[in-house]
Every structure is written in structure tokens, then in C-alpha cells.
Amino acid sequence: MAKFKIDKDKVKAKTINRTIRLKEATFNKLMKLSEESGVSFNKVVQECIEYSLSHM
């Protein structure tokens, strides 16, 4: 399986706003990843979702 990598390119894409609920521990892990990589929280979540979907 390919290693997860956060794409730091700032490409504007059409998006849809949606509210989701996360477990506190998951939120904290995502925030830490965001801070360590210098990428927005939203971008980290988007990359995680795309990675997961492409490896199902």
C-alpha cells in the first residue's frame, strides 16, 4: 500500500460545505498533523479521505 502523503499544493477546487462529527482523539491527531505539516486542518482531512477511498 502506498504511504500516506499530504499534498501541499494550493489548488482551488470546487468544494461542498458539510458538517461532520469526529471523536476527540481523531480530531487531536488531525490537528497535530496539520500543525506539523503546515497545512490547513481542512486539507489534512481532505487528503485522508481521498487516500482512504483510493485504497479501499
PDB file of N, CA and C in Angstrom:
ATOM      1  N   MET A   1       0.844  -1.172   0.000  1.00  0.00           N
ATOM      2  CA  MET A   1       0.000   0.000   0.000  1.00  0.00           C
ATOM      3  C   MET A   1       0.894   1.241   0.000  1.00  0.00           C
ATOM      4  N   ALA A   2       0.496   2.237  -0.749  1.00  0.00           N
ATOM      5  CA  ALA A   2       1.262   3.484  -0.827  1.00  0.00           C
ATOM      6  C   ALA A   2       1.234   4.209   0.508  1.00  0.00           C
ATOM      7  N   LYS A   3       2.330   4.863   0.824  1.00  0.00           N
ATOM      8  CA  LYS A   3       2.427   5.620   2.061  1.00  0.00           C
ATOM      9  C   LYS A   3       1.607   6.903   1.952  1.00  0.00           C
ATOM     10  N   PHE A   4       0.931   7.263   3.033  1.00  0.00           N
ATOM     11  CA  PHE A   4       0.121   8.482   3.056  1.00  0.00           C
ATOM     12  C   PHE A   4       1.024   9.703   2.995  1.00  0.00           C
ATOM     13  N   LYS A   5       0.684  10.642   2.122  1.00  0.00           N
ATOM     14  CA  LYS A   5       1.458  11.864   1.955  1.00  0.00           C
ATOM     15  C   LYS A   5       0.494  13.026   1.789  1.00  0.00           C
ATOM     16  N   ILE A   6       0.738  14.118   2.490  1.00  0.00           N
ATOM     17  CA  ILE A   6      -0.110  15.295   2.380  1.00  0.00           C
ATOM     18  C   ILE A   6       0.388  16.157   1.232  1.00  0.00           C
ATOM     19  N   ASP A   7      -0.498  16.401   0.264  1.00  0.00           N
ATOM     20  CA  ASP A   7      -0.183  17.242  -0.879  1.00  0.00           C
ATOM     21  C   ASP A   7      -0.272  18.698  -0.442  1.00  0.00           C
ATOM     22  N   LYS A   8       0.822  19.428  -0.502  1.00  0.00           N
ATOM     23  CA  LYS A   8       0.863  20.808  -0.038  1.00  0.00           C
ATOM     24  C   LYS A   8       0.544  21.819  -1.131  1.00  0.00           C
ATOM     25  N   ASP A   9       0.187  21.342  -2.338  1.00  0.00           N
ATOM     26  CA  ASP A   9      -0.172  22.259  -3.413  1.00  0.00           C
ATOM     27  C   ASP A   9      -1.446  23.004  -3.048  1.00  0.00           C
ATOM     28  N   LYS A  10      -1.472  24.282  -3.355  1.00  0.00           N
ATOM     29  CA  LYS A  10      -2.633  25.112  -3.043  1.00  0.00           C
ATOM     30  C   LYS A  10      -3.483  25.281  -4.290  1.00  0.00           C
ATOM     31  N   VAL A  11      -4.208  24.240  -4.617  1.00  0.00           N
ATOM     32  CA  VAL A  11      -5.069  24.255  -5.791  1.00  0.00           C
ATOM     33  C   VAL A  11      -6.502  24.462  -5.317  1.00  0.00           C
ATOM     34  N   LYS A  12      -7.150  25.487  -5.867  1.00  0.00           N
ATOM     35  CA  LYS A  12      -8.545  25.747  -5.523  1.00  0.00           C
ATOM     36  C   LYS A  12      -9.425  24.796  -6.326  1.00  0.00           C
ATOM     37  N   ALA A  13     -10.255  24.064  -5.637  1.00  0.00           N
ATOM     38  CA  ALA A  13     -11.192  23.163  -6.291  1.00  0.00           C
ATOM     39  C   ALA A  13     -12.585  23.480  -5.780  1.00  0.00           C
ATOM     40  N   LYS A  14     -13.570  23.136  -6.564  1.00  0.00           N
ATOM     41  CA  LYS A  14     -14.945  23.340  -6.123  1.00  0.00           C
ATOM     42  C   LYS A  14     -15.180  22.467  -4.898  1.00  0.00           C
ATOM     43  N   THR A  15     -15.730  23.054  -3.863  1.00  0.00           N
ATOM     44  CA  THR A  15     -15.952  22.309  -2.628  1.00  0.00           C
ATOM     45  C   THR A  15     -17.407  22.404  -2.198  1.00  0.00           C
ATOM     46  N   ILE A  16     -17.776  21.519  -1.314  1.00  0.00           N
ATOM     47  CA  ILE A  16     -19.111  21.499  -0.720  1.00  0.00           C
ATOM     48  C   ILE A  16     -18.931  21.552   0.786  1.00  0.00           C
ATOM     49  N   ASN A  17     -19.635  22.458   1.427  1.00  0.00           N
ATOM     50  CA  ASN A  17     -19.577  22.555   2.881  1.00  0.00           C
ATOM     51  C   ASN A  17     -20.466  21.486   3.501  1.00  0.00           C
ATOM     52  N   ARG A  18     -19.918  20.823   4.519  1.00  0.00           N
ATOM     53  CA  ARG A  18     -20.644  19.773   5.209  1.00  0.00           C
ATOM     54  C   ARG A  18     -20.116  19.706   6.629  1.00  0.00           C
ATOM     55  N   THR A  19     -20.992  19.502   7.576  1.00  0.00           N
ATOM     56  CA  THR A  19     -20.581  19.364   8.971  1.00  0.00           C
ATOM     57  C   THR A  19     -20.428  17.886   9.288  1.00  0.00           C
ATOM     58  N   ILE A  20     -19.312  17.535   9.940  1.00  0.00           N
ATOM     59  CA  ILE A  20     -19.093  16.156  10.373  1.00  0.00           C
ATOM     60  C   ILE A  20     -18.714  16.169  11.848  1.00  0.00           C
ATOM     61  N   ARG A  21     -18.893  15.047  12.493  1.00  0.00           N
ATOM     62  CA  ARG A  21     -18.505  14.918  13.889  1.00  0.00           C
ATOM     63  C   ARG A  21     -17.343  13.939  13.970  1.00  0.00           C
ATOM     64  N   LEU A  22     -16.347  14.305  14.757  1.00  0.00           N
ATOM     65  CA  LEU A  22     -15.160  13.467  14.937  1.00  0.00           C
ATOM     66  C   LEU A  22     -14.994  13.129  16.405  1.00  0.00           C
ATOM     67  N   LYS A  23     -14.427  11.970  16.663  1.00  0.00           N
ATOM     68  CA  LYS A  23     -14.045  11.651  18.034  1.00  0.00           C
ATOM     69  C   LYS A  23     -12.948  12.624  18.435  1.00  0.00           C
ATOM     70  N   GLU A  24     -12.893  12.961  19.707  1.00  0.00           N
ATOM     71  CA  GLU A  24     -11.904  13.929  20.177  1.00  0.00           C
ATOM     72  C   GLU A  24     -10.482  13.479  19.855  1.00  0.00           C
ATOM     73  N   ALA A  25     -10.198  12.206  20.043  1.00  0.00           N
ATOM     74  CA  ALA A  25      -8.851  11.693  19.773  1.00  0.00           C
ATOM     75  C   ALA A  25      -8.499  11.833  18.287  1.00  0.00           C
ATOM     76  N   THR A  26      -9.465  11.575  17.410  1.00  0.00           N
ATOM     77  CA  THR A  26      -9.241  11.718  15.975  1.00  0.00           C
ATOM     78  C   THR A  26      -8.980  13.175  15.621  1.00  0.00           C
ATOM     79  N   PHE A  27      -9.791  14.059  16.173  1.00  0.00           N
ATOM     80  CA  PHE A  27      -9.612  15.496  15.945  1.00  0.00           C
ATOM     81  C   PHE A  27      -8.214  15.938  16.375  1.00  0.00           C
ATOM     82  N   ASN A  28      -7.794  15.483  17.548  1.00  0.00           N
ATOM     83  CA  ASN A  28      -6.471  15.869  18.062  1.00  0.00           C
ATOM     84  C   ASN A  28      -5.344  15.376  17.161  1.00  0.00           C
ATOM     85  N   LYS A  29      -5.472  14.160  16.637  1.00  0.00           N
ATOM     86  CA  LYS A  29      -4.455  13.622  15.728  1.00  0.00           C
ATOM     87  C   LYS A  29      -4.399  14.435  14.435  1.00  0.00           C
ATOM     88  N   LEU A  30      -5.576  14.773  13.908  1.00  0.00           N
ATOM     89  CA  LEU A  30      -5.631  15.563  12.684  1.00  0.00           C
ATOM     90  C   LEU A  30      -5.056  16.963  12.895  1.00  0.00           C
ATOM     91  N   MET A  31      -5.358  17.573  14.034  1.00  0.00           N
ATOM     92  CA  MET A  31      -4.821  18.901  14.346  1.00  0.00           C
ATOM     93  C   MET A  31      -3.297  18.853  14.447  1.00  0.00           C
ATOM     94  N   LYS A  32      -2.777  17.815  15.094  1.00  0.00           N
ATOM     95  CA  LYS A  32      -1.328  17.668  15.232  1.00  0.00           C
ATOM     96  C   LYS A  32      -0.680  17.519  13.859  1.00  0.00           C
ATOM     97  N   LEU A  33      -1.285  16.685  12.999  1.00  0.00           N
ATOM     98  CA  LEU A  33      -0.784  16.514  11.634  1.00  0.00           C
ATOM     99  C   LEU A  33      -0.797  17.842  10.886  1.00  0.00           C
ATOM    100  N   SER A  34      -1.858  18.600  11.054  1.00  0.00           N
ATOM    101  CA  SER A  34      -1.991  19.898  10.408  1.00  0.00           C
ATOM    102  C   SER A  34      -0.890  20.856  10.855  1.00  0.00           C
ATOM    103  N   GLU A  35      -0.688  20.935  12.153  1.00  0.00           N
ATOM    104  CA  GLU A  35       0.322  21.841  12.703  1.00  0.00           C
ATOM    105  C   GLU A  35       1.732  21.436  12.287  1.00  0.00           C
ATOM    106  N   GLU A  36       2.012  20.140  12.327  1.00  0.00           N
ATOM    107  CA  GLU A  36       3.357  19.652  11.987  1.00  0.00           C
ATOM    108  C   GLU A  36       3.678  19.812  10.500  1.00  0.00           C
ATOM    109  N   SER A  37       2.662  19.710   9.654  1.00  0.00           N
ATOM    110  CA  SER A  37       2.910  19.782   8.213  1.00  0.00           C
ATOM    111  C   SER A  37       2.744  21.191   7.656  1.00  0.00           C
ATOM    112  N   GLY A  38       2.154  22.090   8.439  1.00  0.00           N
ATOM    113  CA  GLY A  38       1.933  23.452   7.960  1.00  0.00           C
ATOM    114  C   GLY A  38       0.824  23.539   6.924  1.00  0.00           C
ATOM    115  N   VAL A  39      -0.068  22.579   6.958  1.00  0.00           N
ATOM    116  CA  VAL A  39      -1.190  22.509   6.021  1.00  0.00           C
ATOM    117  C   VAL A  39      -2.482  22.682   6.822  1.00  0.00           C
ATOM    118  N   SER A  40      -3.482  23.301   6.219  1.00  0.00           N
ATOM    119  CA  SER A  40      -4.731  23.546   6.937  1.00  0.00           C
ATOM    120  C   SER A  40      -5.373  22.240   7.408  1.00  0.00           C
ATOM    121  N   PHE A  41      -6.138  22.357   8.472  1.00  0.00           N
ATOM    122  CA  PHE A  41      -6.879  21.213   9.008  1.00  0.00           C
ATOM    123  C   PHE A  41      -7.770  20.617   7.914  1.00  0.00           C
ATOM    124  N   ASN A  42      -8.471  21.468   7.195  1.00  0.00           N
ATOM    125  CA  ASN A  42      -9.370  21.022   6.137  1.00  0.00           C
ATOM    126  C   ASN A  42      -8.619  20.210   5.077  1.00  0.00           C
ATOM    127  N   LYS A  43      -7.448  20.682   4.673  1.00  0.00           N
ATOM    128  CA  LYS A  43      -6.650  19.993   3.656  1.00  0.00           C
ATOM    129  C   LYS A  43      -6.201  18.617   4.163  1.00  0.00           C
ATOM    130  N   VAL A  44      -5.823  18.537   5.428  1.00  0.00           N
ATOM    131  CA  VAL A  44      -5.407  17.253   6.000  1.00  0.00           C
ATOM    132  C   VAL A  44      -6.570  16.266   5.974  1.00  0.00           C
ATOM    133  N   VAL A  45      -7.753  16.717   6.374  1.00  0.00           N
ATOM    134  CA  VAL A  45      -8.926  15.849   6.367  1.00  0.00           C
ATOM    135  C   VAL A  45      -9.234  15.402   4.942  1.00  0.00           C
ATOM    136  N   GLN A  46      -9.202  16.327   4.000  1.00  0.00           N
ATOM    137  CA  GLN A  46      -9.465  16.005   2.590  1.00  0.00           C
ATOM    138  C   GLN A  46      -8.472  14.963   2.072  1.00  0.00           C
ATOM    139  N   GLU A  47      -7.195  15.138   2.372  1.00  0.00           N
ATOM    140  CA  GLU A  47      -6.170  14.192   1.924  1.00  0.00           C
ATOM    141  C   GLU A  47      -6.389  12.814   2.549  1.00  0.00           C
ATOM    142  N   CYS A  48      -6.760  12.773   3.823  1.00  0.00           N
ATOM    143  CA  CYS A  48      -7.025  11.494   4.498  1.00  0.00           C
ATOM    144  C   CYS A  48      -8.196  10.765   3.840  1.00  0.00           C
ATOM    145  N   ILE A  49      -9.246  11.506   3.533  1.00  0.00           N
ATOM    146  CA  ILE A  49     -10.423  10.901   2.901  1.00  0.00           C
ATOM    147  C   ILE A  49     -10.067  10.378   1.510  1.00  0.00           C
ATOM    148  N   GLU A  50      -9.381  11.187   0.710  1.00  0.00           N
ATOM    149  CA  GLU A  50      -9.018  10.742  -0.643  1.00  0.00           C
ATOM    150  C   GLU A  50      -8.105   9.525  -0.605  1.00  0.00           C
ATOM    151  N   TYR A  51      -7.154   9.507   0.314  1.00  0.00           N
ATOM    152  CA  TYR A  51      -6.241   8.372   0.455  1.00  0.00           C
ATOM    153  C   TYR A  51      -7.033   7.116   0.824  1.00  0.00           C
ATOM    154  N   SER A  52      -7.922   7.252   1.787  1.00  0.00           N
ATOM    155  CA  SER A  52      -8.725   6.099   2.231  1.00  0.00           C
ATOM    156  C   SER A  52      -9.586   5.545   1.104  1.00  0.00           C
ATOM    157  N   LEU A  53     -10.244   6.434   0.387  1.00  0.00           N
ATOM    158  CA  LEU A  53     -11.120   5.989  -0.699  1.00  0.00           C
ATOM    159  C   LEU A  53     -10.352   5.307  -1.828  1.00  0.00           C
ATOM    160  N   SER A  54      -9.150   5.778  -2.092  1.00  0.00           N
ATOM    161  CA  SER A  54      -8.383   5.162  -3.181  1.00  0.00           C
ATOM    162  C   SER A  54      -7.717   3.852  -2.780  1.00  0.00           C
ATOM    163  N   HIS A  55      -7.767   3.512  -1.491  1.00  0.00           N
ATOM    164  CA  HIS A  55      -7.152   2.272  -1.020  1.00  0.00           C
ATOM    165  C   HIS A  55      -8.179   1.292  -0.433  1.00  0.00           C
ATOM    166  N   MET A  56      -9.399   1.418  -0.874  1.00  0.00           N
ATOM    167  CA  MET A  56     -10.459   0.501  -0.399  1.00  0.00           C
ATOM    168  C   MET A  56     -10.516  -0.719  -1.288  1.00  0.00           C
TER     169      MET A  56
END
